[in-house]
All heavy atoms as atom14 arrays in JSON, in Angstrom:
{
  "sequence": "QLVESGGGLVQAGGSLRLSCAASGRTFSSYSMGWFRQAPGKERRFV",
  "atom14_mask": [
    [1, 1, 1, 1, 1, 1, 1, 1, 1, 0, 0, 0, 0, 0],
    [1, 1, 1, 1, 1, 1, 1, 1, 0, 0, 0, 0, 0, 0],
    [1, 1, 1, 1, 1, 1, 1, 0, 0, 0, 0, 0, 0, 0],
    [1, 1, 1, 1, 1, 1, 1, 1, 1, 0, 0, 0, 0, 0],
    [1, 1, 1, 1, 1, 1, 0, 0, 0, 0, 0, 0, 0, 0],
    [1, 1, 1, 1, 0, 0, 0, 0, 0, 0, 0, 0, 0, 0],
    [1, 1, 1, 1, 0, 0, 0, 0, 0, 0, 0, 0, 0, 0],
    [1, 1, 1, 1, 0, 0, 0, 0, 0, 0, 0, 0, 0, 0],
    [1, 1, 1, 1, 1, 1, 1, 1, 0, 0, 0, 0, 0, 0],
    [1, 1, 1, 1, 1, 1, 1, 0, 0, 0, 0, 0, 0, 0],
    [1, 1, 1, 1, 1, 1, 1, 1, 1, 0, 0, 0, 0, 0],
    [1, 1, 1, 1, 1, 0, 0, 0, 0, 0, 0, 0, 0, 0],
    [1, 1, 1, 1, 0, 0, 0, 0, 0, 0, 0, 0, 0, 0],
    [1, 1, 1, 1, 0, 0, 0, 0, 0, 0, 0, 0, 0, 0],
    [1, 1, 1, 1, 1, 1, 0, 0, 0, 0, 0, 0, 0, 0],
    [1, 1, 1, 1, 1, 1, 1, 1, 0, 0, 0, 0, 0, 0],
    [1, 1, 1, 1, 1, 1, 1, 1, 1, 1, 1, 0, 0, 0],
    [1, 1, 1, 1, 1, 1, 1, 1, 0, 0, 0, 0, 0, 0],
    [1, 1, 1, 1, 1, 1, 0, 0, 0, 0, 0, 0, 0, 0],
    [1, 1, 1, 1, 1, 1, 0, 0, 0, 0, 0, 0, 0, 0],
    [1, 1, 1, 1, 1, 0, 0, 0, 0, 0, 0, 0, 0, 0],
    [1, 1, 1, 1, 1, 0, 0, 0, 0, 0, 0, 0, 0, 0],
    [1, 1, 1, 1, 1, 1, 0, 0, 0, 0, 0, 0, 0, 0],
    [1, 1, 1, 1, 0, 0, 0, 0, 0, 0, 0, 0, 0, 0],
    [1, 1, 1, 1, 1, 1, 1, 1, 1, 1, 1, 0, 0, 0],
    [1, 1, 1, 1, 1, 1, 1, 0, 0, 0, 0, 0, 0, 0],
    [1, 1, 1, 1, 1, 1, 1, 1, 1, 1, 1, 0, 0, 0],
    [1, 1, 1, 1, 1, 1, 0, 0, 0, 0, 0, 0, 0, 0],
    [1, 1, 1, 1, 1, 1, 0, 0, 0, 0, 0, 0, 0, 0],
    [1, 1, 1, 1, 1, 1, 1, 1, 1, 1, 1, 1, 0, 0],
    [1, 1, 1, 1, 1, 1, 0, 0, 0, 0, 0, 0, 0, 0],
    [1, 1, 1, 1, 1, 1, 1, 1, 0, 0, 0, 0, 0, 0],
    [1, 1, 1, 1, 0, 0, 0, 0, 0, 0, 0, 0, 0, 0],
    [1, 1, 1, 1, 1, 1, 1, 1, 1, 1, 1, 1, 1, 1],
    [1, 1, 1, 1, 1, 1, 1, 1, 1, 1, 1, 0, 0, 0],
    [1, 1, 1, 1, 1, 1, 1, 1, 1, 1, 1, 0, 0, 0],
    [1, 1, 1, 1, 1, 1, 1, 1, 1, 0, 0, 0, 0, 0],
    [1, 1, 1, 1, 1, 0, 0, 0, 0, 0, 0, 0, 0, 0],
    [1, 1, 1, 1, 1, 1, 1, 0, 0, 0, 0, 0, 0, 0],
    [1, 1, 1, 1, 0, 0, 0, 0, 0, 0, 0, 0, 0, 0],
    [1, 1, 1, 1, 1, 1, 1, 1, 1, 0, 0, 0, 0, 0],
    [1, 1, 1, 1, 1, 1, 1, 1, 1, 0, 0, 0, 0, 0],
    [1, 1, 1, 1, 1, 1, 1, 1, 1, 1, 1, 0, 0, 0],
    [1, 1, 1, 1, 1, 1, 1, 1, 1, 1, 1, 0, 0, 0],
    [1, 1, 1, 1, 1, 1, 1, 1, 1, 1, 1, 0, 0, 0],
    [1, 1, 1, 1, 1, 1, 1, 0, 0, 0, 0, 0, 0, 0]
  ],
  "atom14_positions": [
    [[0.85, -1.18, 0.0], [0.0, 0.0, 0.0], [0.89, 1.24, 0.0], [1.85, 1.32, 0.77], [-0.93, 0.02, 1.2], [-2.02, -1.04, 1.17], [-1.48, -2.42, 1.48], [-0.73, -2.61, 2.44], [-1.85, -3.4, 0.66], [0.0, 0.0, 0.0], [0.0, 0.0, 0.0], [0.0, 0.0, 0.0], [0.0, 0.0, 0.0], [0.0, 0.0, 0.0]],
    [[0.57, 2.2, -0.85], [1.37, 3.4, -1.03], [0.52, 4.63, -0.73], [-0.6, 4.75, -1.22], [1.92, 3.48, -2.45], [2.71, 2.27, -2.95], [3.03, 2.42, -4.43], [3.99, 2.11, -2.14], [0.0, 0.0, 0.0], [0.0, 0.0, 0.0], [0.0, 0.0, 0.0], [0.0, 0.0, 0.0], [0.0, 0.0, 0.0], [0.0, 0.0, 0.0]],
    [[1.08, 5.56, 0.05], [0.37, 6.78, 0.41], [1.29, 7.97, 0.19], [2.33, 8.09, 0.85], [-0.11, 6.75, 1.87], [-0.83, 8.06, 2.21], [-1.03, 5.57, 2.1], [0.0, 0.0, 0.0], [0.0, 0.0, 0.0], [0.0, 0.0, 0.0], [0.0, 0.0, 0.0], [0.0, 0.0, 0.0], [0.0, 0.0, 0.0], [0.0, 0.0, 0.0]],
    [[0.9, 8.86, -0.73], [1.67, 10.06, -1.01], [1.27, 11.19, -0.07], [0.13, 11.27, 0.38], [1.46, 10.52, -2.46], [1.83, 9.5, -3.51], [0.65, 8.68, -3.98], [-0.32, 8.54, -3.2], [0.68, 8.18, -5.12], [0.0, 0.0, 0.0], [0.0, 0.0, 0.0], [0.0, 0.0, 0.0], [0.0, 0.0, 0.0], [0.0, 0.0, 0.0]],
    [[2.22, 12.09, 0.18], [1.96, 13.28, 0.96], [2.96, 14.36, 0.56], [3.94, 14.09, -0.13], [2.06, 13.0, 2.46], [3.37, 12.58, 2.81], [0.0, 0.0, 0.0], [0.0, 0.0, 0.0], [0.0, 0.0, 0.0], [0.0, 0.0, 0.0], [0.0, 0.0, 0.0], [0.0, 0.0, 0.0], [0.0, 0.0, 0.0], [0.0, 0.0, 0.0]],
    [[2.71, 15.58, 0.99], [3.62, 16.68, 0.75], [3.21, 17.64, -0.34], [3.89, 18.64, -0.56], [0.0, 0.0, 0.0], [0.0, 0.0, 0.0], [0.0, 0.0, 0.0], [0.0, 0.0, 0.0], [0.0, 0.0, 0.0], [0.0, 0.0, 0.0], [0.0, 0.0, 0.0], [0.0, 0.0, 0.0], [0.0, 0.0, 0.0], [0.0, 0.0, 0.0]],
    [[2.13, 17.35, -1.03], [1.65, 18.25, -2.06], [1.09, 19.52, -1.46], [0.85, 19.63, -0.26], [0.0, 0.0, 0.0], [0.0, 0.0, 0.0], [0.0, 0.0, 0.0], [0.0, 0.0, 0.0], [0.0, 0.0, 0.0], [0.0, 0.0, 0.0], [0.0, 0.0, 0.0], [0.0, 0.0, 0.0], [0.0, 0.0, 0.0], [0.0, 0.0, 0.0]],
    [[0.87, 20.5, -2.33], [0.33, 21.77, -1.88], [0.43, 22.82, -2.95], [0.67, 22.53, -4.12], [0.0, 0.0, 0.0], [0.0, 0.0, 0.0], [0.0, 0.0, 0.0], [0.0, 0.0, 0.0], [0.0, 0.0, 0.0], [0.0, 0.0, 0.0], [0.0, 0.0, 0.0], [0.0, 0.0, 0.0], [0.0, 0.0, 0.0], [0.0, 0.0, 0.0]],
    [[0.25, 24.06, -2.53], [0.29, 25.22, -3.42], [1.58, 25.98, -3.2], [1.9, 26.36, -2.07], [-0.91, 26.12, -3.16], [-0.95, 27.45, -3.92], [-1.04, 27.21, -5.41], [-2.11, 28.29, -3.42], [0.0, 0.0, 0.0], [0.0, 0.0, 0.0], [0.0, 0.0, 0.0], [0.0, 0.0, 0.0], [0.0, 0.0, 0.0], [0.0, 0.0, 0.0]],
    [[2.33, 26.2, -4.27], [3.58, 26.96, -4.2], [3.65, 27.93, -5.37], [2.99, 27.75, -6.39], [4.82, 26.05, -4.21], [4.85, 25.16, -2.99], [4.86, 25.22, -5.48], [0.0, 0.0, 0.0], [0.0, 0.0, 0.0], [0.0, 0.0, 0.0], [0.0, 0.0, 0.0], [0.0, 0.0, 0.0], [0.0, 0.0, 0.0], [0.0, 0.0, 0.0]],
    [[4.47, 28.95, -5.2], [4.7, 29.92, -6.26], [5.77, 29.41, -7.21], [6.65, 28.63, -6.83], [5.13, 31.26, -5.65], [5.14, 32.42, -6.63], [5.41, 33.74, -5.93], [5.56, 33.8, -4.71], [5.47, 34.81, -6.71], [0.0, 0.0, 0.0], [0.0, 0.0, 0.0], [0.0, 0.0, 0.0], [0.0, 0.0, 0.0], [0.0, 0.0, 0.0]],
    [[5.68, 29.82, -8.47], [6.69, 29.44, -9.44], [8.09, 29.77, -8.93], [8.32, 30.85, -8.38], [6.44, 30.14, -10.77], [0.0, 0.0, 0.0], [0.0, 0.0, 0.0], [0.0, 0.0, 0.0], [0.0, 0.0, 0.0], [0.0, 0.0, 0.0], [0.0, 0.0, 0.0], [0.0, 0.0, 0.0], [0.0, 0.0, 0.0], [0.0, 0.0, 0.0]],
    [[9.01, 28.83, -9.11], [10.36, 28.98, -8.59], [10.57, 28.37, -7.23], [11.72, 28.24, -6.78], [0.0, 0.0, 0.0], [0.0, 0.0, 0.0], [0.0, 0.0, 0.0], [0.0, 0.0, 0.0], [0.0, 0.0, 0.0], [0.0, 0.0, 0.0], [0.0, 0.0, 0.0], [0.0, 0.0, 0.0], [0.0, 0.0, 0.0], [0.0, 0.0, 0.0]],
    [[9.49, 27.99, -6.58], [9.58, 27.4, -5.26], [9.86, 25.92, -5.28], [10.09, 25.33, -6.34], [0.0, 0.0, 0.0], [0.0, 0.0, 0.0], [0.0, 0.0, 0.0], [0.0, 0.0, 0.0], [0.0, 0.0, 0.0], [0.0, 0.0, 0.0], [0.0, 0.0, 0.0], [0.0, 0.0, 0.0], [0.0, 0.0, 0.0], [0.0, 0.0, 0.0]],
    [[9.81, 25.31, -4.1], [10.16, 23.9, -3.96], [9.14, 23.17, -3.11], [8.48, 23.75, -2.25], [11.54, 23.75, -3.3], [12.56, 24.32, -4.07], [0.0, 0.0, 0.0], [0.0, 0.0, 0.0], [0.0, 0.0, 0.0], [0.0, 0.0, 0.0], [0.0, 0.0, 0.0], [0.0, 0.0, 0.0], [0.0, 0.0, 0.0], [0.0, 0.0, 0.0]],
    [[9.02, 21.88, -3.36], [8.23, 20.96, -2.56], [8.95, 19.63, -2.49], [9.68, 19.27, -3.42], [6.84, 20.74, -3.16], [5.76, 21.79, -2.96], [4.52, 21.39, -3.75], [5.42, 21.96, -1.48], [0.0, 0.0, 0.0], [0.0, 0.0, 0.0], [0.0, 0.0, 0.0], [0.0, 0.0, 0.0], [0.0, 0.0, 0.0], [0.0, 0.0, 0.0]],
    [[8.74, 18.9, -1.42], [9.22, 17.53, -1.33], [8.04, 16.61, -1.07], [7.37, 16.72, -0.04], [10.27, 17.35, -0.23], [10.9, 15.95, -0.28], [12.0, 15.75, 0.71], [11.5, 15.54, 2.07], [12.2, 14.99, 3.05], [13.45, 14.6, 2.82], [11.67, 14.86, 4.25], [0.0, 0.0, 0.0], [0.0, 0.0, 0.0], [0.0, 0.0, 0.0]],
    [[7.82, 15.7, -1.99], [6.78, 14.7, -1.85], [7.34, 13.45, -1.2], [8.5, 13.09, -1.41], [6.19, 14.34, -3.21], [5.68, 15.49, -4.08], [5.05, 14.95, -5.35], [4.7, 16.36, -3.3], [0.0, 0.0, 0.0], [0.0, 0.0, 0.0], [0.0, 0.0, 0.0], [0.0, 0.0, 0.0], [0.0, 0.0, 0.0], [0.0, 0.0, 0.0]],
    [[6.51, 12.79, -0.41], [6.88, 11.54, 0.22], [5.88, 10.47, -0.17], [4.7, 10.75, -0.38], [6.91, 11.68, 1.74], [7.87, 12.62, 2.15], [0.0, 0.0, 0.0], [0.0, 0.0, 0.0], [0.0, 0.0, 0.0], [0.0, 0.0, 0.0], [0.0, 0.0, 0.0], [0.0, 0.0, 0.0], [0.0, 0.0, 0.0], [0.0, 0.0, 0.0]],
    [[6.35, 9.25, -0.25], [5.51, 8.1, -0.53], [5.85, 7.03, 0.49], [6.92, 6.42, 0.43], [5.75, 7.59, -1.95], [4.86, 6.06, -2.35], [0.0, 0.0, 0.0], [0.0, 0.0, 0.0], [0.0, 0.0, 0.0], [0.0, 0.0, 0.0], [0.0, 0.0, 0.0], [0.0, 0.0, 0.0], [0.0, 0.0, 0.0], [0.0, 0.0, 0.0]],
    [[4.94, 6.82, 1.42], [5.13, 5.84, 2.47], [4.51, 4.51, 2.06], [3.36, 4.48, 1.61], [4.52, 6.32, 3.77], [0.0, 0.0, 0.0], [0.0, 0.0, 0.0], [0.0, 0.0, 0.0], [0.0, 0.0, 0.0], [0.0, 0.0, 0.0], [0.0, 0.0, 0.0], [0.0, 0.0, 0.0], [0.0, 0.0, 0.0], [0.0, 0.0, 0.0]],
    [[5.26, 3.44, 2.22], [4.81, 2.13, 1.81], [4.62, 1.22, 3.01], [5.38, 1.29, 3.99], [5.81, 1.49, 0.85], [0.0, 0.0, 0.0], [0.0, 0.0, 0.0], [0.0, 0.0, 0.0], [0.0, 0.0, 0.0], [0.0, 0.0, 0.0], [0.0, 0.0, 0.0], [0.0, 0.0, 0.0], [0.0, 0.0, 0.0], [0.0, 0.0, 0.0]],
    [[3.63, 0.38, 2.93], [3.41, -0.66, 3.93], [3.18, -1.98, 3.21], [2.67, -2.0, 2.09], [2.22, -0.33, 4.83], [1.02, -0.23, 4.08], [0.0, 0.0, 0.0], [0.0, 0.0, 0.0], [0.0, 0.0, 0.0], [0.0, 0.0, 0.0], [0.0, 0.0, 0.0], [0.0, 0.0, 0.0], [0.0, 0.0, 0.0], [0.0, 0.0, 0.0]],
    [[3.58, -3.05, 3.85], [3.47, -4.35, 3.23], [4.82, -5.04, 3.14], [5.77, -4.64, 3.82], [0.0, 0.0, 0.0], [0.0, 0.0, 0.0], [0.0, 0.0, 0.0], [0.0, 0.0, 0.0], [0.0, 0.0, 0.0], [0.0, 0.0, 0.0], [0.0, 0.0, 0.0], [0.0, 0.0, 0.0], [0.0, 0.0, 0.0], [0.0, 0.0, 0.0]],
    [[4.9, -6.01, 2.28], [6.09, -6.84, 2.18], [6.99, -6.46, 1.02], [6.53, -5.98, 0.0], [5.66, -8.31, 2.03], [5.07, -8.91, 3.28], [4.2, -10.13, 2.98], [4.7, -10.99, 1.93], [5.57, -11.98, 2.09], [6.05, -12.25, 3.3], [5.96, -12.7, 1.05], [0.0, 0.0, 0.0], [0.0, 0.0, 0.0], [0.0, 0.0, 0.0]],
    [[8.27, -6.68, 1.2], [9.32, -6.61, 0.17], [9.41, -5.27, -0.55], [9.64, -5.21, -1.75], [9.16, -7.74, -0.87], [7.93, -7.58, -1.59], [9.2, -9.09, -0.19], [0.0, 0.0, 0.0], [0.0, 0.0, 0.0], [0.0, 0.0, 0.0], [0.0, 0.0, 0.0], [0.0, 0.0, 0.0], [0.0, 0.0, 0.0], [0.0, 0.0, 0.0]],
    [[9.24, -4.17, 0.17], [9.32, -2.85, -0.43], [10.67, -2.59, -1.07], [10.76, -2.07, -2.18], [9.01, -1.78, 0.62], [9.31, -0.39, 0.17], [8.46, 0.28, -0.67], [10.47, 0.26, 0.6], [8.73, 1.57, -1.09], [10.75, 1.54, 0.19], [9.88, 2.2, -0.66], [0.0, 0.0, 0.0], [0.0, 0.0, 0.0], [0.0, 0.0, 0.0]],
    [[11.75, -2.92, -0.37], [13.08, -2.56, -0.82], [13.57, -3.36, -2.02], [14.62, -3.04, -2.58], [14.08, -2.71, 0.33], [14.16, -4.06, 0.77], [0.0, 0.0, 0.0], [0.0, 0.0, 0.0], [0.0, 0.0, 0.0], [0.0, 0.0, 0.0], [0.0, 0.0, 0.0], [0.0, 0.0, 0.0], [0.0, 0.0, 0.0], [0.0, 0.0, 0.0]],
    [[12.84, -4.37, -2.44], [13.25, -5.2, -3.56], [12.74, -4.7, -4.91], [12.99, -5.34, -5.93], [12.78, -6.63, -3.35], [13.37, -7.2, -2.2], [0.0, 0.0, 0.0], [0.0, 0.0, 0.0], [0.0, 0.0, 0.0], [0.0, 0.0, 0.0], [0.0, 0.0, 0.0], [0.0, 0.0, 0.0], [0.0, 0.0, 0.0], [0.0, 0.0, 0.0]],
    [[12.06, -3.57, -4.94], [11.43, -3.08, -6.16], [11.88, -1.67, -6.5], [12.09, -0.84, -5.62], [9.91, -3.09, -6.01], [9.32, -4.46, -5.86], [9.24, -5.08, -4.62], [8.83, -5.14, -6.97], [8.7, -6.35, -4.48], [8.28, -6.41, -6.85], [8.22, -7.0, -5.6], [7.67, -8.26, -5.47], [0.0, 0.0, 0.0], [0.0, 0.0, 0.0]],
    [[11.99, -1.43, -7.8], [12.14, -0.06, -8.27], [10.84, 0.71, -8.0], [9.75, 0.14, -8.01], [12.45, -0.03, -9.76], [13.7, -0.64, -10.03], [0.0, 0.0, 0.0], [0.0, 0.0, 0.0], [0.0, 0.0, 0.0], [0.0, 0.0, 0.0], [0.0, 0.0, 0.0], [0.0, 0.0, 0.0], [0.0, 0.0, 0.0], [0.0, 0.0, 0.0]],
    [[10.98, 2.01, -7.76], [9.83, 2.85, -7.47], [9.83, 4.05, -8.4], [10.88, 4.62, -8.69], [9.86, 3.33, -6.02], [9.76, 2.22, -4.98], [8.12, 1.43, -4.96], [7.1, 2.82, -4.46], [0.0, 0.0, 0.0], [0.0, 0.0, 0.0], [0.0, 0.0, 0.0], [0.0, 0.0, 0.0], [0.0, 0.0, 0.0], [0.0, 0.0, 0.0]],
    [[8.64, 4.44, -8.83], [8.52, 5.54, -9.76], [7.55, 6.6, -9.3], [6.7, 6.36, -8.43], [0.0, 0.0, 0.0], [0.0, 0.0, 0.0], [0.0, 0.0, 0.0], [0.0, 0.0, 0.0], [0.0, 0.0, 0.0], [0.0, 0.0, 0.0], [0.0, 0.0, 0.0], [0.0, 0.0, 0.0], [0.0, 0.0, 0.0], [0.0, 0.0, 0.0]],
    [[7.7, 7.78, -9.88], [6.75, 8.87, -9.72], [6.15, 9.21, -11.09], [6.88, 9.31, -12.09], [7.41, 10.12, -9.15], [7.71, 10.06, -7.69], [8.88, 9.71, -7.1], [6.81, 10.37, -6.62], [8.78, 9.78, -5.74], [7.51, 10.18, -5.42], [5.47, 10.79, -6.57], [6.93, 10.4, -4.17], [4.89, 11.0, -5.33], [5.61, 10.81, -4.15]],
    [[4.84, 9.41, -11.11], [4.11, 9.85, -12.28], [3.28, 11.07, -11.92], [3.06, 11.34, -10.74], [3.2, 8.74, -12.82], [3.92, 7.62, -13.51], [4.67, 6.7, -12.79], [3.84, 7.47, -14.88], [5.32, 5.66, -13.43], [4.49, 6.43, -15.53], [5.23, 5.53, -14.8], [0.0, 0.0, 0.0], [0.0, 0.0, 0.0], [0.0, 0.0, 0.0]],
    [[2.81, 11.77, -12.94], [1.93, 12.9, -12.68], [0.86, 12.97, -13.76], [1.06, 12.53, -14.89], [2.69, 14.22, -12.59], [3.38, 14.65, -13.88], [4.24, 15.87, -13.61], [4.87, 16.38, -14.82], [5.74, 17.4, -14.84], [6.06, 18.0, -13.7], [6.27, 17.79, -15.98], [0.0, 0.0, 0.0], [0.0, 0.0, 0.0], [0.0, 0.0, 0.0]],
    [[-0.28, 13.54, -13.39], [-1.39, 13.65, -14.3], [-2.06, 15.01, -14.13], [-2.6, 15.32, -13.07], [-2.41, 12.53, -14.06], [-3.53, 12.49, -15.08], [-4.35, 11.21, -14.97], [-4.37, 10.56, -13.94], [-5.01, 10.84, -16.06], [0.0, 0.0, 0.0], [0.0, 0.0, 0.0], [0.0, 0.0, 0.0], [0.0, 0.0, 0.0], [0.0, 0.0, 0.0]],
    [[-2.01, 15.81, -15.18], [-2.67, 17.1, -15.2], [-4.08, 16.93, -15.74], [-4.38, 15.96, -16.44], [-1.88, 18.08, -16.07], [0.0, 0.0, 0.0], [0.0, 0.0, 0.0], [0.0, 0.0, 0.0], [0.0, 0.0, 0.0], [0.0, 0.0, 0.0], [0.0, 0.0, 0.0], [0.0, 0.0, 0.0], [0.0, 0.0, 0.0], [0.0, 0.0, 0.0]],
    [[-4.99, 17.87, -15.44], [-6.36, 17.76, -15.92], [-6.43, 17.62, -17.43], [-5.8, 18.38, -18.17], [-7.01, 19.07, -15.46], [-6.21, 19.46, -14.26], [-4.8, 19.04, -14.56], [0.0, 0.0, 0.0], [0.0, 0.0, 0.0], [0.0, 0.0, 0.0], [0.0, 0.0, 0.0], [0.0, 0.0, 0.0], [0.0, 0.0, 0.0], [0.0, 0.0, 0.0]],
    [[-7.18, 16.62, -17.9], [-7.35, 16.41, -19.32], [-6.19, 15.75, -20.01], [-6.21, 15.61, -21.24], [0.0, 0.0, 0.0], [0.0, 0.0, 0.0], [0.0, 0.0, 0.0], [0.0, 0.0, 0.0], [0.0, 0.0, 0.0], [0.0, 0.0, 0.0], [0.0, 0.0, 0.0], [0.0, 0.0, 0.0], [0.0, 0.0, 0.0], [0.0, 0.0, 0.0]],
    [[-5.17, 15.33, -19.27], [-4.0, 14.71, -19.86], [-3.79, 13.3, -19.32], [-4.34, 12.93, -18.29], [-2.75, 15.56, -19.61], [-2.76, 16.92, -20.27], [-1.44, 17.63, -20.1], [-1.4, 18.95, -20.83], [-0.09, 19.62, -20.68], [0.0, 0.0, 0.0], [0.0, 0.0, 0.0], [0.0, 0.0, 0.0], [0.0, 0.0, 0.0], [0.0, 0.0, 0.0]],
    [[-2.97, 12.54, -20.02], [-2.62, 11.2, -19.58], [-1.64, 11.26, -18.41], [-0.94, 12.26, -18.21], [-1.98, 10.41, -20.72], [-2.9, 10.11, -21.88], [-2.23, 9.26, -22.94], [-0.98, 9.26, -22.99], [-2.93, 8.59, -23.7], [0.0, 0.0, 0.0], [0.0, 0.0, 0.0], [0.0, 0.0, 0.0], [0.0, 0.0, 0.0], [0.0, 0.0, 0.0]],
    [[-1.62, 10.18, -17.64], [-0.64, 10.05, -16.59], [0.73, 9.84, -17.23], [0.92, 8.94, -18.04], [-1.0, 8.89, -15.67], [-0.21, 8.85, -14.38], [-0.81, 7.83, -13.41], [-2.18, 8.17, -13.06], [-2.9, 7.51, -12.16], [-2.38, 6.47, -11.52], [-4.14, 7.88, -11.9], [0.0, 0.0, 0.0], [0.0, 0.0, 0.0], [0.0, 0.0, 0.0]],
    [[1.7, 10.68, -16.84], [3.01, 10.68, -17.48], [4.13, 10.37, -16.49], [4.07, 10.75, -15.32], [3.3, 12.04, -18.13], [2.29, 12.46, -19.21], [2.41, 11.59, -20.45], [3.74, 11.69, -21.05], [4.1, 12.63, -21.91], [3.23, 13.56, -22.29], [5.33, 12.64, -22.41], [0.0, 0.0, 0.0], [0.0, 0.0, 0.0], [0.0, 0.0, 0.0]],
    [[5.15, 9.71, -17.0], [6.32, 9.36, -16.21], [7.08, 10.6, -15.77], [7.25, 11.55, -16.54], [7.23, 8.45, -17.03], [8.58, 8.23, -16.44], [8.77, 7.33, -15.4], [9.68, 8.92, -16.91], [10.01, 7.12, -14.85], [10.93, 8.72, -16.37], [11.09, 7.81, -15.34], [0.0, 0.0, 0.0], [0.0, 0.0, 0.0], [0.0, 0.0, 0.0]],
    [[7.58, 10.57, -14.53], [8.39, 11.66, -13.99], [9.79, 11.19, -13.64], [10.78, 11.76, -14.09], [7.73, 12.29, -12.75], [8.65, 13.35, -12.14], [6.38, 12.9, -13.12], [0.0, 0.0, 0.0], [0.0, 0.0, 0.0], [0.0, 0.0, 0.0], [0.0, 0.0, 0.0], [0.0, 0.0, 0.0], [0.0, 0.0, 0.0], [0.0, 0.0, 0.0]]
  ]
}
């Protein structure tokens, strides 16, 4: 199970750090990715 956090509203030029907390088995044995999806667009690799 994966739960993201850290999103919010920032001004252009600013910074954010997102976190993804995992629960369950064998987390460290897998590659992990981030994707994003804007309104009206496909989910894209980050």
